[in-house]
Amino acid sequence: MRNRRFVRTMPGTMLVLGTLAASPPLLGAQIGVQRERNAPSVYAITNARIVTMAGPAIERGTVVVRDGVITAVGASAAVPGDARVIDGAGLTVYPGLIDANSSVGLASAAAADNAARGAAGRGGRGGAPVQQGAAMSAPNSLHPVGLQPELAAIDFVHADPDAFSGPQSAGITTILATPSSGIFRGLSAVVNLGGANAQAMLVRAPVAEHIGFTPRRDGGYPNSLMGVFSVLRQTLLDAQHYAAENAAYAKNPRAMRRPEPDPSLDALQPVLSRQIPVVFDVSSQREIERALDLAREFNLRAMIAGGEEADKVAARLKAENVPVLATLNFPRRPQQSPDADPEPTRMLRARVEAPRLASKLQAAGVKFAFEDGGLTNWPEFLANAKSAVDAGLSSDQAVRALTLSAAEILGVADRLGSVEVGKVANLTVARGDLFSGRVTQVFVDGTPMDVRAPTNANGAALIANGTWQITVTLDEGEKPVTLTLQQVGDQLRGTIQGALGSNQIADGSVTAAGDVQFRTTITMNDGSEEARFAGTIEANVMRGTVRIVGHPQGTFVGTKPAGAPGSGRRGSPPPV
């Protein structure tokens, strides 16, 4: 009766219904959307081994997630009637892995501006992911790029399923998003690798201020290490004076000139008051000691990121309660020609010692988590974690460093890092063990995300295949070419076309580490020559050298344009 009255008093509604009846596709689309909204976001993984990190592993149990939250876990947990059931026989469920320092998904400033204007796509998508080392800028800052503590990573977080697919294939569901360049690099944020936009991805911000010791390379000041420390100290002193000046003004505003607001110095106040820590991105023993000295001088809460030689100062790190975000981007053997000089001893030692760092920190009682260290060949993330296990870290300790320890260090252990009722439903599912099996599925905020398996055992096809736009620089100048590569196993074949002629490549190969080489015939002013290309691939960037007999060594660099953004990955049934 109530419905009939509603229809009679709402003629407009009748008109709308009539319009929908005359537009079957639109009506069908709306019904589809409504069905999607009504679909239960409830999943139950049954018969799985569950590594909760909150107690002993459950050898055969069930995890239930509902609306992004873990609602049940245990050997006898009941399966709700509205749940999508996943038979987890042979699977192991872990807390979602956390990358404790990463630039994945950060858009460049220009891309962020374009996205904000709607020029680069809807919902914040469409901007280009930032390259490692690319500079970002805070709006209205009084300080140059690279010296802006107020720069907030969350303002540059970019919901990019394609960029997330690599980390997700390594089981990573959460990162500490961090600007990767500069001296005062800005404020980091813990974000999930899933969600329609930055707001949906955000878990916590700000988490820490990030500082690097790399001098400016653009000719501006500071362009030396001494200058870097001078700027760091002066800025922190300015921030202390700024706080005192503002406190005095707040106490008696009529007696003095109003202090000029400075966003950079404002951003350093929670650092000076120890509300948030400072992450020093440093590697060598000397750099780490300098970072600790600076932290002691200004009474800062310090963390070390990278920390390749942190074991050499482990006693001090333990005594001063300084956590380490240890890199999993281990040094790799460079690709060399037979007549190249042998590697320096320090490089050989660094490769040997890198996997041992975590076990040494563990033995010294230093709290640590793992970070990607700029890694772009994502199969190496877990492979290098396994190397740390092989070098003395226990498997349980490695899993803890990737989950609960990371959550504790980043201040989000109340919602992430373990499989417990009430926590965010971030899960990593592996067939077999995390380090000896393979990741088959991740859940982010309770939503299953497809994991793109590598196309071969070493995963190199993820980065080699495709069409590359390359600029080759020779003694005759810059030559733009198009390089089309197809990979079969670890072998490469394809063509080179453009300003150097058109030819097939030969003797092409690519390694799991991204080292690539091939030879081909190119056309130069004096005729045809054989050229040997050797370089590396990182993400969608290929660079290296070109050797031609009788000519100076050349270089090449180029990119593989990103593919169309993925779609329809969220919410798809989990392929287990």
Foldseek 3Di string as FASTA:
>chain_A
DVVVVVCVVCVVVVVVVVVCVVPVVVVVVVVVVVVVVVQWLKAKEFQAWEDFVPDDIAHGWMWIDGQQFTADIDRPDDGDPRHDYHHHNLKYKWFQFEFEEDAQQFAAQVLLVCQVVCNQHDLQARGDRDAQADWHDDPPAPDDTQLFQADERLSRGGLFLVSCQLVVQLRHFKYFHFRRGHAFGYFTFIFTNDDSHSVRGGDDPRQATEGEQAADPPPDPPHDSVRSVVVVVVLLVVLVVVVVVQVVCVVPVVPDDDDDDHSRSVSCVCQLVQVHAYEYADADPVSVVVVVVVCVVSVGQYEYEQHLPVLVVLLVCQVSQHAYAHELPADDDADDDPPDDDDDPVSVVSNVCNLQVVQSNVVSVHQYAYHHSQAFLSVSNLQSLVSNCVNPDPPVNSSQSRFQSSCVSRVNNVATRGSDGGHRQWMWMFSHDSNPTGTQWTAHSSKIFGHDDQPDDLSLQVAPADKKFKWKQFPVGTWTWIWGWDDDPQAIWTWIDGRFHIWIWPPWGADSQFWIKIWIWTADPVGIWIKIWTFGTGNFKTKGWIDTPPTPIIIMITGGDDDDGDPPRIRDDRDD
